[in-house]
Amino acid sequence: QVQLVESGGGFVQAAGSLRLSCETSGAGYVFNYMGWYRRVPGKERELVARIGRNGTSSVNESLKARFTISRVKDDNIIYLQMNNLKPEDTGVYYCNGGGTLNNAGADWGQGTQVTVSS
């Protein structure tokens, strides 16, 4: 059974940074695409960023200036570097495996909480 496990969330003051990690077990193959999504209070889950096995990435336009996605080459490990965090970034961040560059796959992690204080 595929398991995606996020880590690196926590509590940070506004303008601070966090780096989220996602590691995968049980897949037996390398996802062509993986990504990060988030659910912030009062909103639907939204795409943060996605990345392909070859490093091609897509980042939510509204977050592109502050968030960077990266990936260990040919592995199911991805990262999300978040800089200049704002209180509105508070939410649960989820790792996703599979899908395409623009669409989520079927495998999800449990999420990691990010809380940004003003």
N, C-alpha and C. Protein backbone atom coordinates (compact mmCIF):
# COMPACT_ATOMS: atom_id res chain seq x y z
N GLN A 1 0.84 -1.19 0.00
CA GLN A 1 0.00 0.00 0.00
C GLN A 1 0.87 1.24 0.00
N VAL A 2 0.53 2.17 -0.87
CA VAL A 2 1.32 3.40 -0.99
C VAL A 2 1.01 4.31 0.18
N GLN A 3 2.05 4.83 0.80
CA GLN A 3 1.89 5.80 1.87
C GLN A 3 2.75 7.01 1.58
N LEU A 4 2.14 8.17 1.69
CA LEU A 4 2.87 9.42 1.57
C LEU A 4 2.85 10.09 2.93
N VAL A 5 4.00 10.49 3.39
CA VAL A 5 4.10 11.07 4.73
C VAL A 5 4.75 12.45 4.64
N GLU A 6 3.99 13.43 5.08
CA GLU A 6 4.49 14.80 5.10
C GLU A 6 5.16 15.10 6.44
N SER A 7 6.11 15.99 6.40
CA SER A 7 6.75 16.47 7.63
C SER A 7 7.23 17.89 7.41
N GLY A 8 7.57 18.54 8.49
CA GLY A 8 8.14 19.88 8.40
C GLY A 8 7.18 21.00 8.71
N GLY A 9 5.92 20.67 8.92
CA GLY A 9 4.98 21.70 9.29
C GLY A 9 5.24 22.19 10.70
N GLY A 10 4.53 23.23 11.07
CA GLY A 10 4.70 23.74 12.43
C GLY A 10 4.20 25.15 12.55
N PHE A 11 4.69 25.80 13.57
CA PHE A 11 4.28 27.14 13.91
C PHE A 11 5.40 28.09 13.57
N VAL A 12 5.07 29.17 12.85
CA VAL A 12 6.09 30.14 12.45
C VAL A 12 5.49 31.53 12.46
N GLN A 13 6.30 32.51 12.70
CA GLN A 13 5.82 33.89 12.65
C GLN A 13 5.80 34.39 11.21
N ALA A 14 4.96 35.34 10.97
CA ALA A 14 4.86 35.94 9.63
C ALA A 14 6.25 36.39 9.18
N ALA A 15 6.50 36.20 7.89
CA ALA A 15 7.77 36.49 7.23
C ALA A 15 8.80 35.39 7.42
N GLY A 16 8.43 34.39 8.20
CA GLY A 16 9.34 33.27 8.39
C GLY A 16 9.26 32.26 7.25
N SER A 17 10.03 31.19 7.40
CA SER A 17 10.11 30.16 6.36
C SER A 17 9.91 28.77 6.96
N LEU A 18 9.42 27.88 6.13
CA LEU A 18 9.33 26.47 6.48
C LEU A 18 9.65 25.65 5.24
N ARG A 19 10.16 24.46 5.48
CA ARG A 19 10.40 23.53 4.39
C ARG A 19 9.66 22.24 4.69
N LEU A 20 8.71 21.92 3.84
CA LEU A 20 7.96 20.69 3.99
C LEU A 20 8.62 19.58 3.18
N SER A 21 8.51 18.38 3.70
CA SER A 21 9.04 17.21 3.01
C SER A 21 7.92 16.18 2.87
N CYS A 22 8.02 15.39 1.82
CA CYS A 22 7.09 14.28 1.62
C CYS A 22 7.88 13.08 1.17
N GLU A 23 7.75 12.01 1.92
CA GLU A 23 8.40 10.77 1.55
C GLU A 23 7.34 9.70 1.31
N THR A 24 7.66 8.79 0.41
CA THR A 24 6.71 7.77 -0.03
C THR A 24 7.25 6.38 0.27
N SER A 25 6.37 5.51 0.68
CA SER A 25 6.74 4.11 0.85
C SER A 25 5.69 3.23 0.21
N GLY A 26 6.10 2.03 -0.15
CA GLY A 26 5.16 1.04 -0.64
C GLY A 26 4.74 1.18 -2.09
N ALA A 27 5.35 2.13 -2.83
CA ALA A 27 4.89 2.34 -4.20
C ALA A 27 5.46 1.31 -5.17
N GLY A 28 6.71 0.99 -5.07
CA GLY A 28 7.33 0.05 -6.00
C GLY A 28 7.59 0.66 -7.36
N TYR A 29 7.33 1.94 -7.53
CA TYR A 29 7.56 2.63 -8.79
C TYR A 29 7.73 4.11 -8.48
N VAL A 30 8.19 4.85 -9.46
CA VAL A 30 8.37 6.29 -9.26
C VAL A 30 7.20 7.02 -9.89
N PHE A 31 6.56 7.86 -9.12
CA PHE A 31 5.47 8.68 -9.66
C PHE A 31 6.00 9.58 -10.76
N ASN A 32 5.30 9.65 -11.86
CA ASN A 32 5.70 10.63 -12.88
C ASN A 32 5.52 12.05 -12.36
N TYR A 33 4.49 12.23 -11.54
CA TYR A 33 4.22 13.57 -10.99
C TYR A 33 3.85 13.46 -9.53
N MET A 34 4.24 14.47 -8.79
CA MET A 34 3.84 14.62 -7.40
C MET A 34 3.53 16.08 -7.14
N GLY A 35 2.88 16.34 -6.04
CA GLY A 35 2.54 17.73 -5.79
C GLY A 35 2.17 18.03 -4.36
N TRP A 36 1.97 19.30 -4.12
CA TRP A 36 1.52 19.82 -2.83
C TRP A 36 0.20 20.55 -3.02
N TYR A 37 -0.70 20.31 -2.09
CA TYR A 37 -1.97 21.01 -2.03
C TYR A 37 -2.14 21.52 -0.61
N ARG A 38 -3.07 22.43 -0.46
CA ARG A 38 -3.35 22.91 0.89
C ARG A 38 -4.83 23.20 1.05
N ARG A 39 -5.24 23.08 2.29
CA ARG A 39 -6.60 23.50 2.65
C ARG A 39 -6.48 24.53 3.74
N VAL A 40 -6.83 25.73 3.39
CA VAL A 40 -6.81 26.81 4.38
C VAL A 40 -8.22 27.01 4.89
N PRO A 41 -8.37 27.52 6.10
CA PRO A 41 -9.71 27.66 6.70
C PRO A 41 -10.68 28.42 5.80
N GLY A 42 -11.85 27.84 5.60
CA GLY A 42 -12.89 28.51 4.84
C GLY A 42 -12.78 28.35 3.34
N LYS A 43 -11.80 27.59 2.88
CA LYS A 43 -11.63 27.42 1.44
C LYS A 43 -11.52 25.96 1.06
N GLU A 44 -11.74 25.70 -0.21
CA GLU A 44 -11.55 24.36 -0.74
C GLU A 44 -10.05 24.06 -0.84
N ARG A 45 -9.76 22.78 -0.92
CA ARG A 45 -8.35 22.41 -1.11
C ARG A 45 -7.87 22.98 -2.44
N GLU A 46 -6.68 23.54 -2.44
CA GLU A 46 -6.17 24.17 -3.64
C GLU A 46 -4.76 23.67 -3.95
N LEU A 47 -4.45 23.76 -5.23
CA LEU A 47 -3.12 23.37 -5.68
C LEU A 47 -2.09 24.39 -5.21
N VAL A 48 -0.99 23.89 -4.69
CA VAL A 48 0.14 24.74 -4.36
C VAL A 48 1.19 24.62 -5.46
N ALA A 49 1.62 23.41 -5.73
CA ALA A 49 2.65 23.19 -6.75
C ALA A 49 2.71 21.71 -7.11
N ARG A 50 3.15 21.45 -8.34
CA ARG A 50 3.34 20.08 -8.79
C ARG A 50 4.67 19.99 -9.52
N ILE A 51 5.23 18.78 -9.53
CA ILE A 51 6.53 18.59 -10.16
C ILE A 51 6.60 17.22 -10.80
N GLY A 52 7.24 17.20 -11.96
CA GLY A 52 7.39 15.95 -12.68
C GLY A 52 8.69 15.25 -12.32
N ARG A 53 8.77 14.05 -12.79
CA ARG A 53 9.96 13.24 -12.53
C ARG A 53 11.20 13.89 -13.14
N ASN A 54 10.99 14.62 -14.23
CA ASN A 54 12.12 15.27 -14.90
C ASN A 54 12.39 16.67 -14.36
N GLY A 55 11.66 17.07 -13.34
CA GLY A 55 11.88 18.37 -12.74
C GLY A 55 10.96 19.47 -13.23
N THR A 56 10.19 19.19 -14.27
CA THR A 56 9.23 20.18 -14.74
C THR A 56 8.24 20.48 -13.62
N SER A 57 7.98 21.76 -13.39
CA SER A 57 7.11 22.10 -12.26
C SER A 57 6.07 23.14 -12.65
N SER A 58 5.05 23.17 -11.84
CA SER A 58 3.98 24.15 -11.99
C SER A 58 3.62 24.64 -10.60
N VAL A 59 3.63 25.95 -10.41
CA VAL A 59 3.35 26.52 -9.10
C VAL A 59 2.16 27.46 -9.22
N ASN A 60 1.28 27.39 -8.24
CA ASN A 60 0.15 28.31 -8.17
C ASN A 60 0.67 29.73 -8.37
N GLU A 61 0.09 30.42 -9.32
CA GLU A 61 0.58 31.75 -9.70
C GLU A 61 0.65 32.69 -8.51
N SER A 62 -0.32 32.58 -7.62
CA SER A 62 -0.37 33.49 -6.48
C SER A 62 0.70 33.19 -5.44
N LEU A 63 1.35 32.05 -5.55
CA LEU A 63 2.34 31.64 -4.56
C LEU A 63 3.75 31.58 -5.15
N LYS A 64 3.86 31.74 -6.42
CA LYS A 64 5.11 31.50 -7.12
C LYS A 64 6.28 32.33 -6.58
N ALA A 65 6.01 33.51 -6.14
CA ALA A 65 7.10 34.37 -5.66
C ALA A 65 7.67 33.91 -4.33
N ARG A 66 6.91 33.07 -3.61
CA ARG A 66 7.34 32.71 -2.26
C ARG A 66 7.56 31.21 -2.06
N PHE A 67 6.95 30.40 -2.90
CA PHE A 67 7.02 28.94 -2.71
C PHE A 67 7.80 28.29 -3.85
N THR A 68 8.59 27.29 -3.50
CA THR A 68 9.36 26.55 -4.48
C THR A 68 9.21 25.05 -4.22
N ILE A 69 8.93 24.32 -5.26
CA ILE A 69 8.83 22.87 -5.15
C ILE A 69 10.09 22.24 -5.73
N SER A 70 10.54 21.18 -5.12
CA SER A 70 11.69 20.46 -5.65
C SER A 70 11.50 18.97 -5.39
N ARG A 71 12.38 18.21 -6.00
CA ARG A 71 12.20 16.76 -5.93
C ARG A 71 13.55 16.07 -6.01
N VAL A 72 13.68 14.99 -5.28
CA VAL A 72 14.85 14.13 -5.41
C VAL A 72 14.73 13.39 -6.74
N LYS A 73 15.77 13.46 -7.55
CA LYS A 73 15.71 12.88 -8.88
C LYS A 73 15.37 11.39 -8.85
N ASP A 74 14.40 11.01 -9.67
CA ASP A 74 14.01 9.61 -9.81
C ASP A 74 13.62 8.97 -8.47
N ASP A 75 12.99 9.75 -7.64
CA ASP A 75 12.53 9.22 -6.36
C ASP A 75 11.20 9.88 -6.00
N ASN A 76 10.52 9.26 -5.05
CA ASN A 76 9.22 9.80 -4.63
C ASN A 76 9.36 10.66 -3.38
N ILE A 77 10.29 11.57 -3.42
CA ILE A 77 10.51 12.50 -2.31
C ILE A 77 10.46 13.91 -2.88
N ILE A 78 9.58 14.72 -2.31
CA ILE A 78 9.48 16.08 -2.76
C ILE A 78 9.53 17.03 -1.57
N TYR A 79 9.82 18.28 -1.88
CA TYR A 79 9.94 19.31 -0.87
C TYR A 79 9.15 20.54 -1.30
N LEU A 80 8.77 21.32 -0.31
CA LEU A 80 8.15 22.61 -0.57
C LEU A 80 8.82 23.64 0.32
N GLN A 81 9.57 24.52 -0.30
CA GLN A 81 10.20 25.62 0.44
C GLN A 81 9.25 26.80 0.43
N MET A 82 8.88 27.25 1.61
CA MET A 82 7.93 28.34 1.74
C MET A 82 8.61 29.49 2.46
N ASN A 83 8.71 30.61 1.78
CA ASN A 83 9.35 31.80 2.34
C ASN A 83 8.36 32.92 2.52
N ASN A 84 8.74 33.87 3.35
CA ASN A 84 7.90 35.04 3.60
C ASN A 84 6.45 34.62 3.88
N LEU A 85 6.31 33.70 4.79
CA LEU A 85 4.98 33.16 5.08
C LEU A 85 4.07 34.23 5.66
N LYS A 86 2.79 34.09 5.33
CA LYS A 86 1.77 35.03 5.77
C LYS A 86 0.71 34.29 6.57
N PRO A 87 -0.02 34.98 7.42
CA PRO A 87 -1.07 34.30 8.19
C PRO A 87 -2.07 33.57 7.30
N GLU A 88 -2.32 34.08 6.11
CA GLU A 88 -3.27 33.42 5.21
C GLU A 88 -2.73 32.13 4.60
N ASP A 89 -1.47 31.82 4.85
CA ASP A 89 -0.91 30.54 4.44
C ASP A 89 -1.22 29.44 5.45
N THR A 90 -1.78 29.81 6.57
CA THR A 90 -2.13 28.83 7.59
C THR A 90 -3.11 27.81 7.05
N GLY A 91 -2.81 26.54 7.28
CA GLY A 91 -3.68 25.48 6.82
C GLY A 91 -2.99 24.14 6.88
N VAL A 92 -3.64 23.15 6.32
CA VAL A 92 -3.06 21.81 6.25
C VAL A 92 -2.53 21.60 4.84
N TYR A 93 -1.31 21.15 4.77
CA TYR A 93 -0.62 20.94 3.49
C TYR A 93 -0.52 19.45 3.22
N TYR A 94 -0.94 19.06 2.03
CA TYR A 94 -1.01 17.65 1.66
C TYR A 94 -0.06 17.33 0.51
N CYS A 95 0.54 16.17 0.59
CA CYS A 95 1.36 15.64 -0.49
C CYS A 95 0.49 14.75 -1.37
N ASN A 96 0.74 14.80 -2.66
CA ASN A 96 -0.03 14.00 -3.61
C ASN A 96 0.90 13.27 -4.57
N GLY A 97 0.56 12.05 -4.90
CA GLY A 97 1.35 11.27 -5.83
C GLY A 97 0.52 10.79 -7.00
N GLY A 98 1.12 10.83 -8.19
CA GLY A 98 0.43 10.40 -9.40
C GLY A 98 -0.13 11.58 -10.17
N GLY A 99 -0.99 11.29 -11.13
CA GLY A 99 -1.63 12.35 -11.90
C GLY A 99 -0.73 12.88 -13.00
N THR A 100 -1.01 14.11 -13.39
CA THR A 100 -0.26 14.79 -14.44
C THR A 100 0.31 16.08 -13.89
N LEU A 101 0.89 16.88 -14.76
CA LEU A 101 1.46 18.13 -14.27
C LEU A 101 0.37 19.03 -13.69
N ASN A 102 -0.81 18.95 -14.23
CA ASN A 102 -1.87 19.86 -13.80
C ASN A 102 -3.02 19.21 -13.03
N ASN A 103 -2.93 17.91 -12.84
CA ASN A 103 -4.02 17.20 -12.17
C ASN A 103 -3.50 16.25 -11.12
N ALA A 104 -4.19 16.21 -10.00
CA ALA A 104 -3.77 15.37 -8.88
C ALA A 104 -3.93 13.89 -9.19
N GLY A 105 -3.07 13.09 -8.57
CA GLY A 105 -3.21 11.65 -8.64
C GLY A 105 -4.06 11.13 -7.49
N ALA A 106 -4.08 9.83 -7.37
CA ALA A 106 -4.99 9.20 -6.41
C ALA A 106 -4.42 9.05 -5.01
N ASP A 107 -3.14 9.22 -4.86
CA ASP A 107 -2.51 8.95 -3.57
C ASP A 107 -2.24 10.24 -2.79
N TRP A 108 -2.67 10.24 -1.54
CA TRP A 108 -2.57 11.43 -0.70
C TRP A 108 -1.94 11.09 0.65
N GLY A 109 -1.21 12.06 1.17
CA GLY A 109 -0.75 11.95 2.53
C GLY A 109 -1.82 12.44 3.50
N GLN A 110 -1.51 12.34 4.77
CA GLN A 110 -2.46 12.75 5.81
C GLN A 110 -2.42 14.25 6.05
N GLY A 111 -1.40 14.91 5.59
CA GLY A 111 -1.32 16.35 5.76
C GLY A 111 -0.45 16.76 6.94
N THR A 112 0.10 17.95 6.83
CA THR A 112 0.88 18.52 7.92
C THR A 112 0.39 19.96 8.14
N GLN A 113 0.21 20.31 9.39
CA GLN A 113 -0.35 21.62 9.74
C GLN A 113 0.74 22.68 9.69
N VAL A 114 0.40 23.78 9.04
CA VAL A 114 1.25 24.97 9.02
C VAL A 114 0.45 26.11 9.64
N THR A 115 1.02 26.73 10.63
CA THR A 115 0.35 27.84 11.30
C THR A 115 1.28 29.04 11.29
N VAL A 116 0.81 30.13 10.72
CA VAL A 116 1.60 31.35 10.62
C VAL A 116 0.94 32.42 11.47
N SER A 117 1.66 32.94 12.43
CA SER A 117 1.11 33.96 13.31
C SER A 117 1.49 35.34 12.81
N SER A 118 0.62 36.29 13.09
CA SER A 118 0.88 37.66 12.64
C SER A 118 1.71 38.41 13.66
